[in-house]
């Protein structure tokens, strides 16, 4: 049963949807809820190019991770990759900008190229929840040279914001098909359920 740690530190919280249909990932740790005023800071990093916020976000997430004394750290940390068009438009991947200092702070190797976009997708935030799974189905691939590096290992995946968990679930399912033993999500902000 996956454990979802909420921003209040409740490491036993499992949502009803997860009880009905267990996700492929094993747990999720977040630093905060995606709500005012932190949601605006996320948007400032993502769309306002305020890259100085990235180490602040990583420190807050590091603290949330280390508060879970019984939570094992992953063997490697990777990121949700952006598509080529979105990366060219934005000029950077905000997940990578936050994950770099996070990996250093935790002493975990960062495998930034572990995951690749197999195809471009629409932005999840603009889609109805029912369309999100279809949008990301088979949208991610494992870098060919990385296949042996995840077998039997605990892989951590970082993303800046988690809304429904569909993207992270798709990635976790793919990683487990290639032999990852455990997949943990590390997310700066989690959208509150409506």
C-alpha atoms as a PDB file:
ATOM      1  CA  UNK A   1       0.000   0.000   0.000  1.00  0.00           C
ATOM      2  CA  UNK A   2       1.554   3.325  -0.980  1.00  0.00           C
ATOM      3  CA  UNK A   3       2.022   5.893   1.707  1.00  0.00           C
ATOM      4  CA  UNK A   4       1.359   9.491   0.807  1.00  0.00           C
ATOM      5  CA  UNK A   5       2.982  11.935   3.195  1.00  0.00           C
ATOM      6  CA  UNK A   6       1.053  15.128   3.256  1.00  0.00           C
ATOM      7  CA  UNK A   7       2.472  18.567   3.871  1.00  0.00           C
ATOM      8  CA  UNK A   8       1.508  18.299   7.532  1.00  0.00           C
ATOM      9  CA  UNK A   9       3.772  15.293   7.993  1.00  0.00           C
ATOM     10  CA  UNK A  10       1.083  12.631   8.351  1.00  0.00           C
ATOM     11  CA  UNK A  11       2.970   9.626   7.042  1.00  0.00           C
ATOM     12  CA  UNK A  12      -0.032   7.313   7.416  1.00  0.00           C
ATOM     13  CA  UNK A  13      -2.375   9.255   5.151  1.00  0.00           C
ATOM     14  CA  UNK A  14      -3.713   7.172   2.273  1.00  0.00           C
ATOM     15  CA  UNK A  15      -6.416   8.732   0.142  1.00  0.00           C
ATOM     16  CA  UNK A  16      -9.590   6.926  -0.814  1.00  0.00           C
ATOM     17  CA  UNK A  17      -8.634   6.818  -4.485  1.00  0.00           C
ATOM     18  CA  UNK A  18      -5.341   5.113  -3.559  1.00  0.00           C
ATOM     19  CA  UNK A  19      -7.215   2.578  -1.455  1.00  0.00           C
ATOM     20  CA  UNK A  20      -9.503   1.775  -4.406  1.00  0.00           C
ATOM     21  CA  UNK A  21      -6.820   1.754  -7.095  1.00  0.00           C
ATOM     22  CA  UNK A  22      -3.296   1.599  -5.688  1.00  0.00           C
ATOM     23  CA  UNK A  23      -0.813   3.668  -7.723  1.00  0.00           C
ATOM     24  CA  UNK A  24       2.421   2.249  -9.087  1.00  0.00           C
ATOM     25  CA  UNK A  25       4.540   4.521  -6.881  1.00  0.00           C
ATOM     26  CA  UNK A  26       5.251   3.502  -3.306  1.00  0.00           C
ATOM     27  CA  UNK A  27       5.090   6.853  -1.535  1.00  0.00           C
ATOM     28  CA  UNK A  28       5.085  10.586  -1.961  1.00  0.00           C
ATOM     29  CA  UNK A  29       6.713  13.229   0.195  1.00  0.00           C
ATOM     30  CA  UNK A  30       5.797  16.869  -0.277  1.00  0.00           C
ATOM     31  CA  UNK A  31       7.110  20.076   1.239  1.00  0.00           C
ATOM     32  CA  UNK A  32       3.846  22.020   1.112  1.00  0.00           C
ATOM     33  CA  UNK A  33       0.380  22.361  -0.314  1.00  0.00           C
ATOM     34  CA  UNK A  34      -0.001  24.142  -3.635  1.00  0.00           C
ATOM     35  CA  UNK A  35      -1.928  27.058  -2.171  1.00  0.00           C
ATOM     36  CA  UNK A  36      -1.403  30.754  -1.599  1.00  0.00           C
ATOM     37  CA  UNK A  37       1.162  32.183  -1.236  1.00  0.00           C
ATOM     38  CA  UNK A  38       3.458  29.298  -2.227  1.00  0.00           C
ATOM     39  CA  UNK A  39       1.597  28.598  -5.458  1.00  0.00           C
ATOM     40  CA  UNK A  40       2.631  32.045  -6.696  1.00  0.00           C
ATOM     41  CA  UNK A  41       6.263  31.315  -5.865  1.00  0.00           C
ATOM     42  CA  UNK A  42       6.079  28.122  -7.939  1.00  0.00           C
ATOM     43  CA  UNK A  43       4.642  30.093 -10.844  1.00  0.00           C
ATOM     44  CA  UNK A  44       7.358  32.741 -10.416  1.00  0.00           C
ATOM     45  CA  UNK A  45      10.032  30.065 -10.754  1.00  0.00           C
ATOM     46  CA  UNK A  46       8.343  28.244 -13.611  1.00  0.00           C
ATOM     47  CA  UNK A  47       7.151  31.131 -15.745  1.00  0.00           C
ATOM     48  CA  UNK A  48       8.909  34.161 -14.261  1.00  0.00           C
ATOM     49  CA  UNK A  49      12.401  32.665 -14.522  1.00  0.00           C
ATOM     50  CA  UNK A  50      13.120  33.349 -10.858  1.00  0.00           C
ATOM     51  CA  UNK A  51      15.668  30.543 -10.599  1.00  0.00           C
ATOM     52  CA  UNK A  52      16.894  31.805  -7.224  1.00  0.00           C
ATOM     53  CA  UNK A  53      13.772  30.168  -5.738  1.00  0.00           C
ATOM     54  CA  UNK A  54      14.947  26.656  -6.720  1.00  0.00           C
ATOM     55  CA  UNK A  55      17.428  26.170  -3.827  1.00  0.00           C
ATOM     56  CA  UNK A  56      14.828  27.489  -1.376  1.00  0.00           C
ATOM     57  CA  UNK A  57      12.311  24.920  -2.623  1.00  0.00           C
ATOM     58  CA  UNK A  58      14.911  22.144  -2.437  1.00  0.00           C
ATOM     59  CA  UNK A  59      15.784  23.051   1.165  1.00  0.00           C
ATOM     60  CA  UNK A  60      12.127  22.964   2.197  1.00  0.00           C
ATOM     61  CA  UNK A  61      11.666  19.577   0.539  1.00  0.00           C
ATOM     62  CA  UNK A  62      14.906  18.255   2.049  1.00  0.00           C
ATOM     63  CA  UNK A  63      13.590  19.168   5.494  1.00  0.00           C
ATOM     64  CA  UNK A  64      10.287  17.378   4.785  1.00  0.00           C
ATOM     65  CA  UNK A  65      12.166  14.274   3.624  1.00  0.00           C
ATOM     66  CA  UNK A  66      14.500  14.197   6.616  1.00  0.00           C
ATOM     67  CA  UNK A  67      11.564  14.587   9.030  1.00  0.00           C
ATOM     68  CA  UNK A  68      10.441  11.108   7.911  1.00  0.00           C
ATOM     69  CA  UNK A  69      13.126   9.267   9.834  1.00  0.00           C
ATOM     70  CA  UNK A  70      11.735   5.864   8.842  1.00  0.00           C
ATOM     71  CA  UNK A  71      11.604   6.699   5.127  1.00  0.00           C
ATOM     72  CA  UNK A  72      14.539   5.214   3.220  1.00  0.00           C
ATOM     73  CA  UNK A  73      16.259   7.570   0.805  1.00  0.00           C
ATOM     74  CA  UNK A  74      16.351   6.443  -2.824  1.00  0.00           C
ATOM     75  CA  UNK A  75      19.467   5.030  -4.463  1.00  0.00           C
ATOM     76  CA  UNK A  76      19.156   7.558  -7.288  1.00  0.00           C
ATOM     77  CA  UNK A  77      17.068  10.652  -7.948  1.00  0.00           C
ATOM     78  CA  UNK A  78      15.685  11.676 -11.318  1.00  0.00           C
ATOM     79  CA  UNK A  79      13.240  14.249 -12.637  1.00  0.00           C
ATOM     80  CA  UNK A  80      10.107  14.448 -14.722  1.00  0.00           C
ATOM     81  CA  UNK A  81      11.483  15.490 -18.113  1.00  0.00           C
ATOM     82  CA  UNK A  82      10.001  18.286 -20.173  1.00  0.00           C
ATOM     83  CA  UNK A  83       9.243  17.841 -23.836  1.00  0.00           C
ATOM     84  CA  UNK A  84      11.673  19.451 -26.286  1.00  0.00           C
ATOM     85  CA  UNK A  85       9.228  22.189 -27.301  1.00  0.00           C
ATOM     86  CA  UNK A  86       8.398  23.149 -23.697  1.00  0.00           C
ATOM     87  CA  UNK A  87      12.073  23.072 -22.709  1.00  0.00           C
ATOM     88  CA  UNK A  88      12.961  25.332 -25.644  1.00  0.00           C
ATOM     89  CA  UNK A  89      10.111  27.704 -24.789  1.00  0.00           C
ATOM     90  CA  UNK A  90      10.938  27.912 -21.077  1.00  0.00           C
ATOM     91  CA  UNK A  91      14.726  27.633 -21.396  1.00  0.00           C
ATOM     92  CA  UNK A  92      15.085  25.359 -18.361  1.00  0.00           C
ATOM     93  CA  UNK A  93      13.416  22.476 -16.555  1.00  0.00           C
ATOM     94  CA  UNK A  94      12.254  23.738 -13.165  1.00  0.00           C
ATOM     95  CA  UNK A  95      12.315  20.172 -11.814  1.00  0.00           C
ATOM     96  CA  UNK A  96      16.019  19.902 -12.618  1.00  0.00           C
ATOM     97  CA  UNK A  97      16.764  23.289 -11.071  1.00  0.00           C
ATOM     98  CA  UNK A  98      15.212  22.148  -7.779  1.00  0.00           C
ATOM     99  CA  UNK A  99      16.490  18.555  -7.920  1.00  0.00           C
ATOM    100  CA  UNK A 100      20.167  19.515  -8.354  1.00  0.00           C
ATOM    101  CA  UNK A 101      20.553  21.109  -4.917  1.00  0.00           C
ATOM    102  CA  UNK A 102      18.190  18.530  -3.387  1.00  0.00           C
ATOM    103  CA  UNK A 103      20.383  15.642  -4.563  1.00  0.00           C
ATOM    104  CA  UNK A 104      23.494  17.375  -3.201  1.00  0.00           C
ATOM    105  CA  UNK A 105      21.810  18.112   0.128  1.00  0.00           C
ATOM    106  CA  UNK A 106      20.704  14.486   0.526  1.00  0.00           C
ATOM    107  CA  UNK A 107      23.896  12.934  -0.854  1.00  0.00           C
ATOM    108  CA  UNK A 108      21.999  11.062  -3.574  1.00  0.00           C
ATOM    109  CA  UNK A 109      23.252  10.733  -7.152  1.00  0.00           C
ATOM    110  CA  UNK A 110      21.157  12.749  -9.607  1.00  0.00           C
ATOM    111  CA  UNK A 111      20.392  10.898 -12.838  1.00  0.00           C
ATOM    112  CA  UNK A 112      18.902  13.817 -14.746  1.00  0.00           C
ATOM    113  CA  UNK A 113      18.871  11.941 -18.066  1.00  0.00           C
ATOM    114  CA  UNK A 114      17.369   8.712 -16.680  1.00  0.00           C
ATOM    115  CA  UNK A 115      13.940   9.549 -18.100  1.00  0.00           C
ATOM    116  CA  UNK A 116      13.118  10.911 -21.516  1.00  0.00           C
ATOM    117  CA  UNK A 117       9.967  12.167 -23.185  1.00  0.00           C
ATOM    118  CA  UNK A 118       8.963   9.637 -25.812  1.00  0.00           C
ATOM    119  CA  UNK A 119       6.498  12.147 -27.256  1.00  0.00           C
ATOM    120  CA  UNK A 120       5.216  15.656 -26.656  1.00  0.00           C
ATOM    121  CA  UNK A 121       2.114  15.969 -24.489  1.00  0.00           C
ATOM    122  CA  UNK A 122      -0.379  18.684 -23.680  1.00  0.00           C
ATOM    123  CA  UNK A 123       0.121  20.432 -20.353  1.00  0.00           C
ATOM    124  CA  UNK A 124      -1.581  18.324 -17.685  1.00  0.00           C
ATOM    125  CA  UNK A 125      -2.787  21.417 -15.837  1.00  0.00           C
ATOM    126  CA  UNK A 126      -5.030  22.339 -18.758  1.00  0.00           C
ATOM    127  CA  UNK A 127      -6.730  18.965 -18.982  1.00  0.00           C
ATOM    128  CA  UNK A 128      -9.775  17.476 -17.302  1.00  0.00           C
ATOM    129  CA  UNK A 129      -8.737  14.793 -14.797  1.00  0.00           C
ATOM    130  CA  UNK A 130     -10.278  12.085 -17.005  1.00  0.00           C
ATOM    131  CA  UNK A 131      -8.021  13.077 -19.925  1.00  0.00           C
ATOM    132  CA  UNK A 132      -4.744  13.184 -18.001  1.00  0.00           C
ATOM    133  CA  UNK A 133      -4.025   9.443 -18.108  1.00  0.00           C
ATOM    134  CA  UNK A 134      -4.553   9.301 -21.870  1.00  0.00           C
ATOM    135  CA  UNK A 135      -2.305  12.342 -22.306  1.00  0.00           C
ATOM    136  CA  UNK A 136       0.709  10.752 -20.559  1.00  0.00           C
ATOM    137  CA  UNK A 137       0.203   7.110 -21.522  1.00  0.00           C
ATOM    138  CA  UNK A 138       3.506   5.895 -23.007  1.00  0.00           C
ATOM    139  CA  UNK A 139       4.852   9.464 -22.974  1.00  0.00           C
ATOM    140  CA  UNK A 140       8.016   8.539 -21.048  1.00  0.00           C
ATOM    141  CA  UNK A 141      10.906   6.245 -21.770  1.00  0.00           C
ATOM    142  CA  UNK A 142      13.931   5.048 -19.885  1.00  0.00           C
ATOM    143  CA  UNK A 143      17.271   6.090 -21.359  1.00  0.00           C
ATOM    144  CA  UNK A 144      18.697   2.940 -23.012  1.00  0.00           C
ATOM    145  CA  UNK A 145      22.001   3.225 -21.140  1.00  0.00           C
ATOM    146  CA  UNK A 146      20.115   3.426 -17.819  1.00  0.00           C
ATOM    147  CA  UNK A 147      18.250   0.128 -17.968  1.00  0.00           C
ATOM    148  CA  UNK A 148      20.692  -1.773 -15.772  1.00  0.00           C
ATOM    149  CA  UNK A 149      21.057   1.098 -13.323  1.00  0.00           C
ATOM    150  CA  UNK A 150      17.515   0.791 -11.925  1.00  0.00           C
ATOM    151  CA  UNK A 151      17.068  -2.977 -11.577  1.00  0.00           C
ATOM    152  CA  UNK A 152      16.350  -3.855  -7.980  1.00  0.00           C
ATOM    153  CA  UNK A 153      16.887  -0.257  -6.865  1.00  0.00           C
ATOM    154  CA  UNK A 154      14.876   2.450  -5.139  1.00  0.00           C
ATOM    155  CA  UNK A 155      14.346   5.297  -7.601  1.00  0.00           C
ATOM    156  CA  UNK A 156      13.249   8.752  -6.489  1.00  0.00           C
ATOM    157  CA  UNK A 157      11.381  10.946  -8.965  1.00  0.00           C
ATOM    158  CA  UNK A 158      11.175  14.693  -8.436  1.00  0.00           C
ATOM    159  CA  UNK A 159       8.510  17.021  -9.777  1.00  0.00           C
ATOM    160  CA  UNK A 160       7.653  20.554  -8.737  1.00  0.00           C
ATOM    161  CA  UNK A 161       3.865  20.126  -8.424  1.00  0.00           C
ATOM    162  CA  UNK A 162       1.633  17.074  -8.084  1.00  0.00           C
ATOM    163  CA  UNK A 163      -2.025  17.487  -8.913  1.00  0.00           C
ATOM    164  CA  UNK A 164      -3.631  14.106  -9.614  1.00  0.00           C
ATOM    165  CA  UNK A 165      -0.423  12.063  -9.595  1.00  0.00           C
ATOM    166  CA  UNK A 166      -1.093  10.752 -13.092  1.00  0.00           C
ATOM    167  CA  UNK A 167       2.301  11.744 -14.524  1.00  0.00           C
ATOM    168  CA  UNK A 168       4.231  10.338 -11.576  1.00  0.00           C
ATOM    169  CA  UNK A 169       2.151   7.156 -11.652  1.00  0.00           C
ATOM    170  CA  UNK A 170       2.878   6.641 -15.357  1.00  0.00           C
ATOM    171  CA  UNK A 171       6.607   7.068 -14.710  1.00  0.00           C
ATOM    172  CA  UNK A 172       6.563   4.730 -11.696  1.00  0.00           C
ATOM    173  CA  UNK A 173       4.755   2.009 -13.665  1.00  0.00           C
ATOM    174  CA  UNK A 174       7.316   2.260 -16.461  1.00  0.00           C
ATOM    175  CA  UNK A 175      10.256   2.144 -14.020  1.00  0.00           C
ATOM    176  CA  UNK A 176       8.845  -0.930 -12.322  1.00  0.00           C
ATOM    177  CA  UNK A 177       8.367  -2.657 -15.691  1.00  0.00           C
ATOM    178  CA  UNK A 178      12.124  -2.200 -16.145  1.00  0.00           C
ATOM    179  CA  UNK A 179      12.899  -3.657 -12.730  1.00  0.00           C
ATOM    180  CA  UNK A 180      12.893  -0.813 -10.208  1.00  0.00           C
ATOM    181  CA  UNK A 181      12.080  -2.280  -6.807  1.00  0.00           C
ATOM    182  CA  UNK A 182      10.607   0.878  -5.310  1.00  0.00           C
ATOM    183  CA  UNK A 183       9.634   4.302  -6.658  1.00  0.00           C
ATOM    184  CA  UNK A 184       9.213   7.306  -4.373  1.00  0.00           C
ATOM    185  CA  UNK A 185       7.908  10.706  -5.408  1.00  0.00           C
ATOM    186  CA  UNK A 186       9.506  13.862  -4.070  1.00  0.00           C
ATOM    187  CA  UNK A 187       7.323  16.849  -4.845  1.00  0.00           C
ATOM    188  CA  UNK A 188       7.663  20.436  -3.743  1.00  0.00           C
ATOM    189  CA  UNK A 189       3.913  21.229  -3.720  1.00  0.00           C
ATOM    190  CA  UNK A 190       0.808  19.077  -3.806  1.00  0.00           C
ATOM    191  CA  UNK A 191      -2.514  20.425  -5.059  1.00  0.00           C
ATOM    192  CA  UNK A 192      -5.252  20.118  -2.470  1.00  0.00           C
ATOM    193  CA  UNK A 193      -8.105  17.780  -3.413  1.00  0.00           C
ATOM    194  CA  UNK A 194     -11.237  19.589  -4.572  1.00  0.00           C
END
